[in-house]
Amino acid sequence: MTATDEVTERPVTEEPPQPGRRFGSVELLAVLLVLLVVFRNPLAALISDPRLQTWTTVFVSVLVQAVPFLVFGVVLSAVIAVFVPRSFWARALPKHPALAVPAAGLAGVVLPGCECGSVPIAGSLIRRGVTPAAALAFLLAAPAINPIVLTATAVAFPNNPEMVVARGGASLVVAVAMGWLWLKLGKTEWIKLPPRPHEDGSRLKAFVSACRHDVMHAGGFLVVGAAAAATINVVVPESWLQRLADNPVLSIIALAVLAVLLSICSEADAFVAASLSQFSLTSRLVFLVVGPMVDLKLIAMQTGMFGRRFAVRFAPATFAAAVLVGTGVGMVLL
């Protein structure tokens, strides 16, 4: 039995049928998110402390940015799980795992989405028999090198078109390198996919069931990550950033850490990076490479999808690789 089979063939527990349920946890989550968006201003007005108002604004903003792409990723994940046969992946990707990793990374070019959607998709790919190394390369590459993100980067940096090439190239290098690293050092027992409802019966029912499961599982951790990001935004003084901008080394580290803490969607982070004009282009490139691969909400979602043992190893290694590669590419191209 291969390592992939050991991951994908783990028995899952079947949820007991709940006939007649019309309003469940997914609907409740959707209603709460809609209410938060609709009554954002009245709720903010009820909070007198400006720091609490800032927390509320950041929390809702992260959710508003991320939820559409999370839903897109969940739907695509369910399509992969229910409608795409396992034999497709055997034909679509090279049989040798070392070659499947860069192929999966390049596949991220054709998927417009952010990191919130790539997590459930990567989990679904592993369930469908794709080697975890290739699925993880796709997870890291898709949010950073897809056309929407690269177009947003070009718009945000109109006078620095080289930033687009640097971001796309550095992100792809990190994704492929982490896939190969997992192929060499990763262990099957580090990935523990959550149990999913069995897929017997109607494909439509299986599709709906898979969507419900992933929305609740990934969505719950997204809320936790958004809350953590909002808290950091309130706690960390902005004056610290001004003091660090003049130091080339510390500015890179500062923006890398800031990317983790802010948890900005990859479709919007280029505009934030462009606004940090006091920092060098290289440090801002590191911000753009790190953000879609390692941030608070993404770590929380990876923990929920793949397990804590995976997240505590994969996230720090990815952070280090993104900083090193982003700095090297920035020194050459920017």
C-alpha atoms as a PDB file:
ATOM      1  CA  MET A   1       0.000   0.000   0.000  1.00  0.00           C
ATOM      2  CA  THR A   2       1.352   3.415  -0.944  1.00  0.00           C
ATOM      3  CA  ALA A   3       1.450   6.448   1.336  1.00  0.00           C
ATOM      4  CA  THR A   4      -1.293   8.034  -0.743  1.00  0.00           C
ATOM      5  CA  ASP A   5      -3.533   4.989  -0.433  1.00  0.00           C
ATOM      6  CA  GLU A   6      -3.002   4.997   3.302  1.00  0.00           C
ATOM      7  CA  VAL A   7      -4.292   8.575   3.451  1.00  0.00           C
ATOM      8  CA  THR A   8      -7.118   8.338   0.990  1.00  0.00           C
ATOM      9  CA  GLU A   9      -8.478   4.947   1.990  1.00  0.00           C
ATOM     10  CA  ARG A  10      -8.888   5.734   5.689  1.00  0.00           C
ATOM     11  CA  PRO A  11     -12.406   4.674   6.656  1.00  0.00           C
ATOM     12  CA  VAL A  12     -14.809   7.467   7.334  1.00  0.00           C
ATOM     13  CA  THR A  13     -17.736   7.567   9.674  1.00  0.00           C
ATOM     14  CA  GLU A  14     -21.130   8.035   8.140  1.00  0.00           C
ATOM     15  CA  GLU A  15     -23.350  10.737   9.538  1.00  0.00           C
ATOM     16  CA  PRO A  16     -26.693   9.445  10.760  1.00  0.00           C
ATOM     17  CA  PRO A  17     -29.586  10.468   8.527  1.00  0.00           C
ATOM     18  CA  GLN A  18     -31.601  13.423   9.697  1.00  0.00           C
ATOM     19  CA  PRO A  19     -34.850  13.327   7.800  1.00  0.00           C
ATOM     20  CA  GLY A  20     -36.963  16.417   7.769  1.00  0.00           C
ATOM     21  CA  ARG A  21     -34.246  18.821   8.877  1.00  0.00           C
ATOM     22  CA  ARG A  22     -34.917  22.109   7.130  1.00  0.00           C
ATOM     23  CA  PHE A  23     -32.746  24.571   9.024  1.00  0.00           C
ATOM     24  CA  GLY A  24     -29.353  23.273  10.024  1.00  0.00           C
ATOM     25  CA  SER A  25     -25.920  24.535  10.994  1.00  0.00           C
ATOM     26  CA  VAL A  26     -24.996  25.637   7.480  1.00  0.00           C
ATOM     27  CA  GLU A  27     -28.100  27.765   7.171  1.00  0.00           C
ATOM     28  CA  LEU A  28     -27.486  29.243  10.623  1.00  0.00           C
ATOM     29  CA  LEU A  29     -23.907  30.180   9.691  1.00  0.00           C
ATOM     30  CA  ALA A  30     -25.108  31.769   6.448  1.00  0.00           C
ATOM     31  CA  VAL A  31     -27.754  33.798   8.267  1.00  0.00           C
ATOM     32  CA  LEU A  32     -25.250  35.016  10.869  1.00  0.00           C
ATOM     33  CA  LEU A  33     -22.761  36.089   8.195  1.00  0.00           C
ATOM     34  CA  VAL A  34     -25.467  37.948   6.268  1.00  0.00           C
ATOM     35  CA  LEU A  35     -26.640  39.691   9.439  1.00  0.00           C
ATOM     36  CA  LEU A  36     -23.078  40.723  10.272  1.00  0.00           C
ATOM     37  CA  VAL A  37     -22.672  42.287   6.850  1.00  0.00           C
ATOM     38  CA  VAL A  38     -26.115  43.943   6.694  1.00  0.00           C
ATOM     39  CA  PHE A  39     -25.973  45.361  10.218  1.00  0.00           C
ATOM     40  CA  ARG A  40     -22.293  46.142  10.212  1.00  0.00           C
ATOM     41  CA  ASN A  41     -22.720  49.887  10.715  1.00  0.00           C
ATOM     42  CA  PRO A  42     -25.430  49.687  13.419  1.00  0.00           C
ATOM     43  CA  LEU A  43     -23.383  47.133  15.329  1.00  0.00           C
ATOM     44  CA  ALA A  44     -20.287  49.295  15.074  1.00  0.00           C
ATOM     45  CA  ALA A  45     -22.270  52.298  16.348  1.00  0.00           C
ATOM     46  CA  LEU A  46     -23.266  50.336  19.440  1.00  0.00           C
ATOM     47  CA  ILE A  47     -19.618  49.865  20.324  1.00  0.00           C
ATOM     48  CA  SER A  48     -18.221  53.029  21.879  1.00  0.00           C
ATOM     49  CA  ASP A  49     -14.584  51.966  22.125  1.00  0.00           C
ATOM     50  CA  PRO A  50     -12.739  52.794  18.861  1.00  0.00           C
ATOM     51  CA  ARG A  51     -10.543  49.714  19.336  1.00  0.00           C
ATOM     52  CA  LEU A  52     -13.589  47.488  19.419  1.00  0.00           C
ATOM     53  CA  GLN A  53     -14.934  49.237  16.333  1.00  0.00           C
ATOM     54  CA  THR A  54     -11.658  48.517  14.564  1.00  0.00           C
ATOM     55  CA  TRP A  55     -11.837  44.884  15.652  1.00  0.00           C
ATOM     56  CA  THR A  56     -15.378  44.554  14.293  1.00  0.00           C
ATOM     57  CA  THR A  57     -14.455  46.209  10.998  1.00  0.00           C
ATOM     58  CA  VAL A  58     -11.414  43.997  10.421  1.00  0.00           C
ATOM     59  CA  PHE A  59     -13.261  40.833  11.452  1.00  0.00           C
ATOM     60  CA  VAL A  60     -16.171  41.455   9.094  1.00  0.00           C
ATOM     61  CA  SER A  61     -13.858  42.606   6.286  1.00  0.00           C
ATOM     62  CA  VAL A  62     -11.821  39.396   6.414  1.00  0.00           C
ATOM     63  CA  LEU A  63     -14.997  37.317   6.297  1.00  0.00           C
ATOM     64  CA  VAL A  64     -16.526  39.358   3.476  1.00  0.00           C
ATOM     65  CA  GLN A  65     -13.340  38.955   1.429  1.00  0.00           C
ATOM     66  CA  ALA A  66     -12.864  35.271   2.144  1.00  0.00           C
ATOM     67  CA  VAL A  67     -16.346  33.709   2.220  1.00  0.00           C
ATOM     68  CA  PRO A  68     -17.128  33.960  -1.532  1.00  0.00           C
ATOM     69  CA  PHE A  69     -13.870  32.224  -2.395  1.00  0.00           C
ATOM     70  CA  LEU A  70     -14.359  29.678   0.380  1.00  0.00           C
ATOM     71  CA  VAL A  71     -17.756  28.817  -1.108  1.00  0.00           C
ATOM     72  CA  PHE A  72     -16.214  28.603  -4.578  1.00  0.00           C
ATOM     73  CA  GLY A  73     -13.541  26.245  -3.249  1.00  0.00           C
ATOM     74  CA  VAL A  74     -16.074  24.132  -1.380  1.00  0.00           C
ATOM     75  CA  VAL A  75     -18.269  23.731  -4.464  1.00  0.00           C
ATOM     76  CA  LEU A  76     -15.279  22.825  -6.634  1.00  0.00           C
ATOM     77  CA  SER A  77     -14.081  20.430  -3.944  1.00  0.00           C
ATOM     78  CA  ALA A  78     -17.476  18.709  -3.913  1.00  0.00           C
ATOM     79  CA  VAL A  79     -17.444  18.457  -7.714  1.00  0.00           C
ATOM     80  CA  ILE A  80     -14.016  16.821  -7.556  1.00  0.00           C
ATOM     81  CA  ALA A  81     -15.125  14.450  -4.797  1.00  0.00           C
ATOM     82  CA  VAL A  82     -18.410  13.353  -6.385  1.00  0.00           C
ATOM     83  CA  PHE A  83     -18.251  13.778 -10.159  1.00  0.00           C
ATOM     84  CA  VAL A  84     -14.578  13.382 -11.105  1.00  0.00           C
ATOM     85  CA  PRO A  85     -13.487   9.721 -11.270  1.00  0.00           C
ATOM     86  CA  ARG A  86     -10.236   8.655  -9.640  1.00  0.00           C
ATOM     87  CA  SER A  87      -8.917   7.519 -13.021  1.00  0.00           C
ATOM     88  CA  PHE A  88      -8.935  11.141 -14.225  1.00  0.00           C
ATOM     89  CA  TRP A  89      -6.132  12.140 -11.856  1.00  0.00           C
ATOM     90  CA  ALA A  90      -4.063   9.158 -12.893  1.00  0.00           C
ATOM     91  CA  ARG A  91      -4.261  10.437 -16.479  1.00  0.00           C
ATOM     92  CA  ALA A  92      -4.022  14.171 -15.737  1.00  0.00           C
ATOM     93  CA  LEU A  93      -0.899  14.123 -13.549  1.00  0.00           C
ATOM     94  CA  PRO A  94       2.437  12.440 -14.223  1.00  0.00           C
ATOM     95  CA  LYS A  95       2.730   9.073 -12.536  1.00  0.00           C
ATOM     96  CA  HIS A  96       6.041   9.899 -10.916  1.00  0.00           C
ATOM     97  CA  PRO A  97       5.336  11.934  -7.741  1.00  0.00           C
ATOM     98  CA  ALA A  98       8.356  14.196  -8.293  1.00  0.00           C
ATOM     99  CA  LEU A  99       6.938  15.245 -11.674  1.00  0.00           C
ATOM    100  CA  ALA A 100       3.363  15.474 -10.379  1.00  0.00           C
ATOM    101  CA  VAL A 101       4.391  18.218  -7.929  1.00  0.00           C
ATOM    102  CA  PRO A 102       5.353  20.922 -10.495  1.00  0.00           C
ATOM    103  CA  ALA A 103       2.441  19.880 -12.715  1.00  0.00           C
ATOM    104  CA  ALA A 104       0.021  20.424  -9.835  1.00  0.00           C
ATOM    105  CA  GLY A 105       1.668  23.742  -9.010  1.00  0.00           C
ATOM    106  CA  LEU A 106       1.250  24.992 -12.562  1.00  0.00           C
ATOM    107  CA  ALA A 107      -2.400  23.906 -12.459  1.00  0.00           C
ATOM    108  CA  GLY A 108      -2.946  26.764 -10.017  1.00  0.00           C
ATOM    109  CA  VAL A 109      -2.647  29.183 -12.945  1.00  0.00           C
ATOM    110  CA  VAL A 110      -6.077  28.214 -14.254  1.00  0.00           C
ATOM    111  CA  LEU A 111      -7.973  28.409 -10.940  1.00  0.00           C
ATOM    112  CA  PRO A 112      -9.176  31.897  -9.944  1.00  0.00           C
ATOM    113  CA  GLY A 113      -9.487  31.701  -6.185  1.00  0.00           C
ATOM    114  CA  CYS A 114      -7.806  32.467  -2.901  1.00  0.00           C
ATOM    115  CA  GLU A 115      -6.263  30.455  -0.102  1.00  0.00           C
ATOM    116  CA  CYS A 116      -9.652  29.946   1.551  1.00  0.00           C
ATOM    117  CA  GLY A 117     -10.867  27.927  -1.417  1.00  0.00           C
ATOM    118  CA  SER A 118      -7.626  26.046  -2.046  1.00  0.00           C
ATOM    119  CA  VAL A 119      -7.684  24.278   1.333  1.00  0.00           C
ATOM    120  CA  PRO A 120     -10.861  22.210   0.764  1.00  0.00           C
ATOM    121  CA  ILE A 121      -9.821  21.586  -2.844  1.00  0.00           C
ATOM    122  CA  ALA A 122      -6.451  20.195  -1.720  1.00  0.00           C
ATOM    123  CA  GLY A 123      -8.201  17.969   0.799  1.00  0.00           C
ATOM    124  CA  SER A 124     -10.521  16.679  -1.898  1.00  0.00           C
ATOM    125  CA  LEU A 125      -7.591  15.986  -4.233  1.00  0.00           C
ATOM    126  CA  ILE A 126      -5.931  13.853  -1.571  1.00  0.00           C
ATOM    127  CA  ARG A 127      -9.178  11.959  -1.058  1.00  0.00           C
ATOM    128  CA  ARG A 128      -9.333  11.295  -4.803  1.00  0.00           C
ATOM    129  CA  GLY A 129      -5.916   9.648  -4.849  1.00  0.00           C
ATOM    130  CA  VAL A 130      -3.602  12.564  -5.701  1.00  0.00           C
ATOM    131  CA  THR A 131      -0.292  12.277  -3.903  1.00  0.00           C
ATOM    132  CA  PRO A 132      -0.272  14.690  -0.919  1.00  0.00           C
ATOM    133  CA  ALA A 133       2.904  16.389  -2.161  1.00  0.00           C
ATOM    134  CA  ALA A 134       1.183  17.411  -5.409  1.00  0.00           C
ATOM    135  CA  ALA A 135      -1.999  18.483  -3.612  1.00  0.00           C
ATOM    136  CA  LEU A 136       0.039  20.669  -1.246  1.00  0.00           C
ATOM    137  CA  ALA A 137       1.916  22.248  -4.151  1.00  0.00           C
ATOM    138  CA  PHE A 138      -1.435  23.126  -5.688  1.00  0.00           C
ATOM    139  CA  LEU A 139      -2.677  24.471  -2.335  1.00  0.00           C
ATOM    140  CA  LEU A 140       0.245  26.918  -2.138  1.00  0.00           C
ATOM    141  CA  ALA A 141       0.420  27.893  -5.809  1.00  0.00           C
ATOM    142  CA  ALA A 142      -3.246  28.417  -6.700  1.00  0.00           C
ATOM    143  CA  PRO A 143      -3.884  31.484  -4.487  1.00  0.00           C
ATOM    144  CA  ALA A 144      -0.717  33.247  -5.640  1.00  0.00           C
ATOM    145  CA  ILE A 145      -0.296  32.654  -9.375  1.00  0.00           C
ATOM    146  CA  ASN A 146      -3.850  32.621 -10.716  1.00  0.00           C
ATOM    147  CA  PRO A 147      -4.810  35.329 -13.274  1.00  0.00           C
ATOM    148  CA  ILE A 148      -6.971  37.370 -10.892  1.00  0.00           C
ATOM    149  CA  VAL A 149      -4.188  37.749  -8.333  1.00  0.00           C
ATOM    150  CA  LEU A 150      -1.532  38.582 -10.915  1.00  0.00           C
ATOM    151  CA  THR A 151      -3.833  41.115 -12.587  1.00  0.00           C
ATOM    152  CA  ALA A 152      -4.549  42.749  -9.227  1.00  0.00           C
ATOM    153  CA  THR A 153      -0.802  42.936  -8.596  1.00  0.00           C
ATOM    154  CA  ALA A 154      -0.244  44.641 -11.965  1.00  0.00           C
ATOM    155  CA  VAL A 155      -2.954  47.198 -11.183  1.00  0.00           C
ATOM    156  CA  ALA A 156      -1.578  47.855  -7.695  1.00  0.00           C
ATOM    157  CA  PHE A 157       1.991  48.354  -9.002  1.00  0.00           C
ATOM    158  CA  PRO A 158       1.518  50.137 -12.363  1.00  0.00           C
ATOM    159  CA  ASN A 159       5.059  51.524 -12.321  1.00  0.00           C
ATOM    160  CA  ASN A 160       6.667  48.214 -11.346  1.00  0.00           C
ATOM    161  CA  PRO A 161       5.536  45.511 -13.790  1.00  0.00           C
ATOM    162  CA  GLU A 162       8.460  43.378 -12.662  1.00  0.00           C
ATOM    163  CA  MET A 163       6.571  42.865  -9.396  1.00  0.00           C
ATOM    164  CA  VAL A 164       4.079  40.626 -11.232  1.00  0.00           C
ATOM    165  CA  VAL A 165       6.827  38.397 -12.616  1.00  0.00           C
ATOM    166  CA  ALA A 166       8.614  38.326  -9.263  1.00  0.00           C
ATOM    167  CA  ARG A 167       5.473  37.392  -7.361  1.00  0.00           C
ATOM    168  CA  GLY A 168       4.398  34.661  -9.766  1.00  0.00           C
ATOM    169  CA  GLY A 169       7.879  33.172 -10.070  1.00  0.00           C
ATOM    170  CA  ALA A 170       8.711  33.239  -6.360  1.00  0.00           C
ATOM    171  CA  SER A 171       5.345  31.784  -5.369  1.00  0.00           C
ATOM    172  CA  LEU A 172       5.628  28.913  -7.854  1.00  0.00           C
ATOM    173  CA  VAL A 173       9.168  28.116  -6.693  1.00  0.00           C
ATOM    174  CA  VAL A 174       8.043  27.977  -3.057  1.00  0.00           C
ATOM    175  CA  ALA A 175       5.028  25.790  -3.895  1.00  0.00           C
ATOM    176  CA  VAL A 176       7.074  23.271  -5.865  1.00  0.00           C
ATOM    177  CA  ALA A 177       9.890  23.262  -3.305  1.00  0.00           C
ATOM    178  CA  MET A 178       7.465  22.565  -0.458  1.00  0.00           C
ATOM    179  CA  GLY A 179       5.858  19.775  -2.481  1.00  0.00           C
ATOM    180  CA  TRP A 180       9.217  18.136  -3.061  1.00  0.00           C
ATOM    181  CA  LEU A 181      10.151  18.655   0.600  1.00  0.00           C
ATOM    182  CA  TRP A 182       6.947  16.924   1.681  1.00  0.00           C
ATOM    183  CA  LEU A 183       7.657  14.137  -0.788  1.00  0.00           C
ATOM    184  CA  LYS A 184      11.013  13.533   0.868  1.00  0.00           C
ATOM    185  CA  LEU A 185      10.290  14.213   4.544  1.00  0.00           C
ATOM    186  CA  GLY A 186       6.500  14.137   4.969  1.00  0.00           C
ATOM    187  CA  LYS A 187       4.809  11.263   6.766  1.00  0.00           C
ATOM    188  CA  THR A 188       1.374   9.845   6.109  1.00  0.00           C
ATOM    189  CA  GLU A 189       0.345   9.978   9.759  1.00  0.00           C
ATOM    190  CA  TRP A 190       0.847  13.759   9.837  1.00  0.00           C
ATOM    191  CA  ILE A 191      -2.225  14.234   7.618  1.00  0.00           C
ATOM    192  CA  LYS A 192      -5.540  13.367   9.224  1.00  0.00           C
ATOM    193  CA  LEU A 193      -8.439  14.315   6.990  1.00  0.00           C
ATOM    194  CA  PRO A 194     -11.745  14.812   8.828  1.00  0.00           C
ATOM    195  CA  PRO A 195     -14.381  12.098   8.305  1.00  0.00           C
ATOM    196  CA  ARG A 196     -16.834  12.857   5.553  1.00  0.00           C
ATOM    197  CA  PRO A 197     -20.319  11.539   4.873  1.00  0.00           C
ATOM    198  CA  HIS A 198     -20.290   8.393   2.747  1.00  0.00           C
ATOM    199  CA  GLU A 199     -20.926   8.978  -0.949  1.00  0.00           C
ATOM    200  CA  ASP A 200     -23.345   6.115  -1.643  1.00  0.00           C
ATOM    201  CA  GLY A 201     -26.669   6.855  -3.320  1.00  0.00           C
ATOM    202  CA  SER A 202     -27.589   9.841  -5.435  1.00  0.00           C
ATOM    203  CA  ARG A 203     -24.709  11.955  -6.692  1.00  0.00           C
ATOM    204  CA  LEU A 204     -26.745  15.081  -6.085  1.00  0.00           C
ATOM    205  CA  LYS A 205     -27.265  14.119  -2.441  1.00  0.00           C
ATOM    206  CA  ALA A 206     -23.576  13.304  -2.105  1.00  0.00           C
ATOM    207  CA  PHE A 207     -22.691  16.689  -3.655  1.00  0.00           C
ATOM    208  CA  VAL A 208     -24.960  18.611  -1.259  1.00  0.00           C
ATOM    209  CA  SER A 209     -23.681  16.604   1.698  1.00  0.00           C
ATOM    210  CA  ALA A 210     -20.049  17.265   0.766  1.00  0.00           C
ATOM    211  CA  CYS A 211     -20.746  21.004   0.406  1.00  0.00           C
ATOM    212  CA  ARG A 212     -22.454  21.174   3.796  1.00  0.00           C
ATOM    213  CA  HIS A 213     -19.621  19.299   5.462  1.00  0.00           C
ATOM    214  CA  ASP A 214     -16.804  21.442   4.031  1.00  0.00           C
ATOM    215  CA  VAL A 215     -18.603  24.771   4.553  1.00  0.00           C
ATOM    216  CA  MET A 216     -19.059  24.033   8.231  1.00  0.00           C
ATOM    217  CA  HIS A 217     -15.633  22.524   8.760  1.00  0.00           C
ATOM    218  CA  ALA A 218     -13.572  25.091   6.846  1.00  0.00           C
ATOM    219  CA  GLY A 219     -15.938  27.974   7.650  1.00  0.00           C
ATOM    220  CA  GLY A 220     -15.641  27.452  11.386  1.00  0.00           C
ATOM    221  CA  PHE A 221     -11.876  27.717  11.280  1.00  0.00           C
ATOM    222  CA  LEU A 222     -12.129  30.706   8.950  1.00  0.00           C
ATOM    223  CA  VAL A 223     -14.129  32.519  11.640  1.00  0.00           C
ATOM    224  CA  VAL A 224     -11.479  31.635  14.240  1.00  0.00           C
ATOM    225  CA  GLY A 225      -8.714  32.901  11.969  1.00  0.00           C
ATOM    226  CA  ALA A 226     -10.596  36.111  11.184  1.00  0.00           C
ATOM    227  CA  ALA A 227     -11.078  36.780  14.889  1.00  0.00           C
ATOM    228  CA  ALA A 228      -7.369  36.241  15.532  1.00  0.00           C
ATOM    229  CA  ALA A 229      -6.403  38.565  12.661  1.00  0.00           C
ATOM    230  CA  ALA A 230      -8.754  41.275  13.951  1.00  0.00           C
ATOM    231  CA  THR A 231      -7.270  40.981  17.430  1.00  0.00           C
ATOM    232  CA  ILE A 232      -3.724  41.359  16.093  1.00  0.00           C
ATOM    233  CA  ASN A 233      -4.742  44.429  14.076  1.00  0.00           C
ATOM    234  CA  VAL A 234      -5.921  46.095  17.269  1.00  0.00           C
ATOM    235  CA  VAL A 235      -3.044  45.026  19.498  1.00  0.00           C
ATOM    236  CA  VAL A 236      -0.009  45.739  17.267  1.00  0.00           C
ATOM    237  CA  PRO A 237       0.840  49.498  17.188  1.00  0.00           C
ATOM    238  CA  GLU A 238       1.267  51.001  13.721  1.00  0.00           C
ATOM    239  CA  SER A 239       4.250  53.032  14.932  1.00  0.00           C
ATOM    240  CA  TRP A 240       6.305  49.843  15.135  1.00  0.00           C
ATOM    241  CA  LEU A 241       6.132  49.471  11.376  1.00  0.00           C
ATOM    242  CA  GLN A 242       7.550  52.956  10.803  1.00  0.00           C
ATOM    243  CA  ARG A 243      10.606  52.171  12.910  1.00  0.00           C
ATOM    244  CA  LEU A 244      11.321  48.962  11.043  1.00  0.00           C
ATOM    245  CA  ALA A 245      10.988  50.294   7.486  1.00  0.00           C
ATOM    246  CA  ASP A 246      14.506  51.788   7.370  1.00  0.00           C
ATOM    247  CA  ASN A 247      16.258  48.516   8.264  1.00  0.00           C
ATOM    248  CA  PRO A 248      16.528  46.243   5.175  1.00  0.00           C
ATOM    249  CA  VAL A 249      16.598  42.983   7.142  1.00  0.00           C
ATOM    250  CA  LEU A 250      14.059  43.888   9.783  1.00  0.00           C
ATOM    251  CA  SER A 251      11.697  45.353   7.183  1.00  0.00           C
ATOM    252  CA  ILE A 252      11.554  42.002   5.365  1.00  0.00           C
ATOM    253  CA  ILE A 253      10.908  40.124   8.599  1.00  0.00           C
ATOM    254  CA  ALA A 254       8.355  42.700   9.710  1.00  0.00           C
ATOM    255  CA  LEU A 255       6.287  42.513   6.513  1.00  0.00           C
ATOM    256  CA  ALA A 256       6.504  38.719   6.466  1.00  0.00           C
ATOM    257  CA  VAL A 257       5.101  38.581   9.983  1.00  0.00           C
ATOM    258  CA  LEU A 258       2.557  41.275   9.112  1.00  0.00           C
ATOM    259  CA  ALA A 259       1.320  39.168   6.192  1.00  0.00           C
ATOM    260  CA  VAL A 260       0.681  36.291   8.596  1.00  0.00           C
ATOM    261  CA  LEU A 261      -1.112  38.492  11.103  1.00  0.00           C
ATOM    262  CA  LEU A 262      -3.285  40.530   8.732  1.00  0.00           C
ATOM    263  CA  SER A 263      -4.693  37.455   6.916  1.00  0.00           C
ATOM    264  CA  ILE A 264      -5.683  39.445   3.823  1.00  0.00           C
ATOM    265  CA  CYS A 265      -7.250  37.622   0.879  1.00  0.00           C
ATOM    266  CA  SER A 266      -4.755  37.132  -1.961  1.00  0.00           C
ATOM    267  CA  GLU A 267      -7.008  39.059  -4.370  1.00  0.00           C
ATOM    268  CA  ALA A 268      -6.660  42.171  -2.193  1.00  0.00           C
ATOM    269  CA  ASP A 269      -3.210  41.970  -0.594  1.00  0.00           C
ATOM    270  CA  ALA A 270      -1.404  43.662  -3.510  1.00  0.00           C
ATOM    271  CA  PHE A 271      -3.220  46.938  -2.812  1.00  0.00           C
ATOM    272  CA  VAL A 272      -2.204  46.752   0.860  1.00  0.00           C
ATOM    273  CA  ALA A 273       1.401  46.072  -0.147  1.00  0.00           C
ATOM    274  CA  ALA A 274       1.353  49.024  -2.557  1.00  0.00           C
ATOM    275  CA  SER A 275       0.152  51.301   0.252  1.00  0.00           C
ATOM    276  CA  LEU A 276       3.202  50.391   2.376  1.00  0.00           C
ATOM    277  CA  SER A 277       5.349  52.737   0.317  1.00  0.00           C
ATOM    278  CA  GLN A 278       7.836  53.329   3.130  1.00  0.00           C
ATOM    279  CA  PHE A 279       9.088  49.759   2.682  1.00  0.00           C
ATOM    280  CA  SER A 280      11.324  48.470  -0.108  1.00  0.00           C
ATOM    281  CA  LEU A 281       9.948  46.540  -3.098  1.00  0.00           C
ATOM    282  CA  THR A 282      11.743  43.406  -1.899  1.00  0.00           C
ATOM    283  CA  SER A 283      10.123  43.501   1.523  1.00  0.00           C
ATOM    284  CA  ARG A 284       6.730  44.094  -0.096  1.00  0.00           C
ATOM    285  CA  LEU A 285       7.328  41.140  -2.424  1.00  0.00           C
ATOM    286  CA  VAL A 286       7.967  38.957   0.626  1.00  0.00           C
ATOM    287  CA  PHE A 287       4.660  40.222   2.012  1.00  0.00           C
ATOM    288  CA  LEU A 288       2.902  39.094  -1.186  1.00  0.00           C
ATOM    289  CA  VAL A 289       4.613  35.689  -1.267  1.00  0.00           C
ATOM    290  CA  VAL A 290       4.058  34.848   2.402  1.00  0.00           C
ATOM    291  CA  GLY A 291       0.442  36.045   2.709  1.00  0.00           C
ATOM    292  CA  PRO A 292      -1.336  33.563   0.409  1.00  0.00           C
ATOM    293  CA  MET A 293       0.662  30.663   1.875  1.00  0.00           C
ATOM    294  CA  VAL A 294       0.822  31.339   5.611  1.00  0.00           C
ATOM    295  CA  ASP A 295      -1.614  33.483   7.586  1.00  0.00           C
ATOM    296  CA  LEU A 296      -3.731  33.075  10.694  1.00  0.00           C
ATOM    297  CA  LYS A 297      -6.940  32.047   8.981  1.00  0.00           C
ATOM    298  CA  LEU A 298      -5.087  29.704   6.635  1.00  0.00           C
ATOM    299  CA  ILE A 299      -3.263  28.009   9.515  1.00  0.00           C
ATOM    300  CA  ALA A 300      -6.590  27.563  11.295  1.00  0.00           C
ATOM    301  CA  MET A 301      -8.221  26.105   8.170  1.00  0.00           C
ATOM    302  CA  GLN A 302      -5.270  23.778   7.513  1.00  0.00           C
ATOM    303  CA  THR A 303      -5.513  22.565  11.087  1.00  0.00           C
ATOM    304  CA  GLY A 304      -9.178  21.760  10.576  1.00  0.00           C
ATOM    305  CA  MET A 305      -8.670  20.088   7.190  1.00  0.00           C
ATOM    306  CA  PHE A 306      -5.397  18.199   7.679  1.00  0.00           C
ATOM    307  CA  GLY A 307      -4.911  18.076  11.446  1.00  0.00           C
ATOM    308  CA  ARG A 308      -2.748  19.838  14.023  1.00  0.00           C
ATOM    309  CA  ARG A 309       0.308  17.629  13.462  1.00  0.00           C
ATOM    310  CA  PHE A 310       0.355  18.733   9.838  1.00  0.00           C
ATOM    311  CA  ALA A 311      -0.128  22.443  10.501  1.00  0.00           C
ATOM    312  CA  VAL A 312       2.596  22.800  13.156  1.00  0.00           C
ATOM    313  CA  ARG A 313       5.140  21.388  10.697  1.00  0.00           C
ATOM    314  CA  PHE A 314       3.949  22.667   7.344  1.00  0.00           C
ATOM    315  CA  ALA A 315       3.210  26.302   8.231  1.00  0.00           C
ATOM    316  CA  PRO A 316       6.633  27.194   9.759  1.00  0.00           C
ATOM    317  CA  ALA A 317       8.511  25.432   6.950  1.00  0.00           C
ATOM    318  CA  THR A 318       6.430  27.238   4.318  1.00  0.00           C
ATOM    319  CA  PHE A 319       6.972  30.578   6.070  1.00  0.00           C
ATOM    320  CA  ALA A 320      10.760  30.121   6.058  1.00  0.00           C
ATOM    321  CA  ALA A 321      10.793  29.042   2.414  1.00  0.00           C
ATOM    322  CA  ALA A 322       8.576  31.967   1.344  1.00  0.00           C
ATOM    323  CA  VAL A 323      10.789  34.511   3.119  1.00  0.00           C
ATOM    324  CA  LEU A 324      14.021  33.100   1.687  1.00  0.00           C
ATOM    325  CA  VAL A 325      12.765  32.677  -1.874  1.00  0.00           C
ATOM    326  CA  GLY A 326      10.900  36.008  -1.874  1.00  0.00           C
ATOM    327  CA  THR A 327      14.012  37.825  -0.657  1.00  0.00           C
ATOM    328  CA  GLY A 328      16.250  36.111  -3.226  1.00  0.00           C
ATOM    329  CA  VAL A 329      13.913  36.813  -6.140  1.00  0.00           C
ATOM    330  CA  GLY A 330      13.449  40.402  -4.990  1.00  0.00           C
ATOM    331  CA  MET A 331      17.192  41.025  -4.878  1.00  0.00           C
ATOM    332  CA  VAL A 332      17.540  39.710  -8.443  1.00  0.00           C
ATOM    333  CA  LEU A 333      14.479  41.191 -10.179  1.00  0.00           C
ATOM    334  CA  LEU A 334      13.531  44.305  -8.189  1.00  0.00           C
END
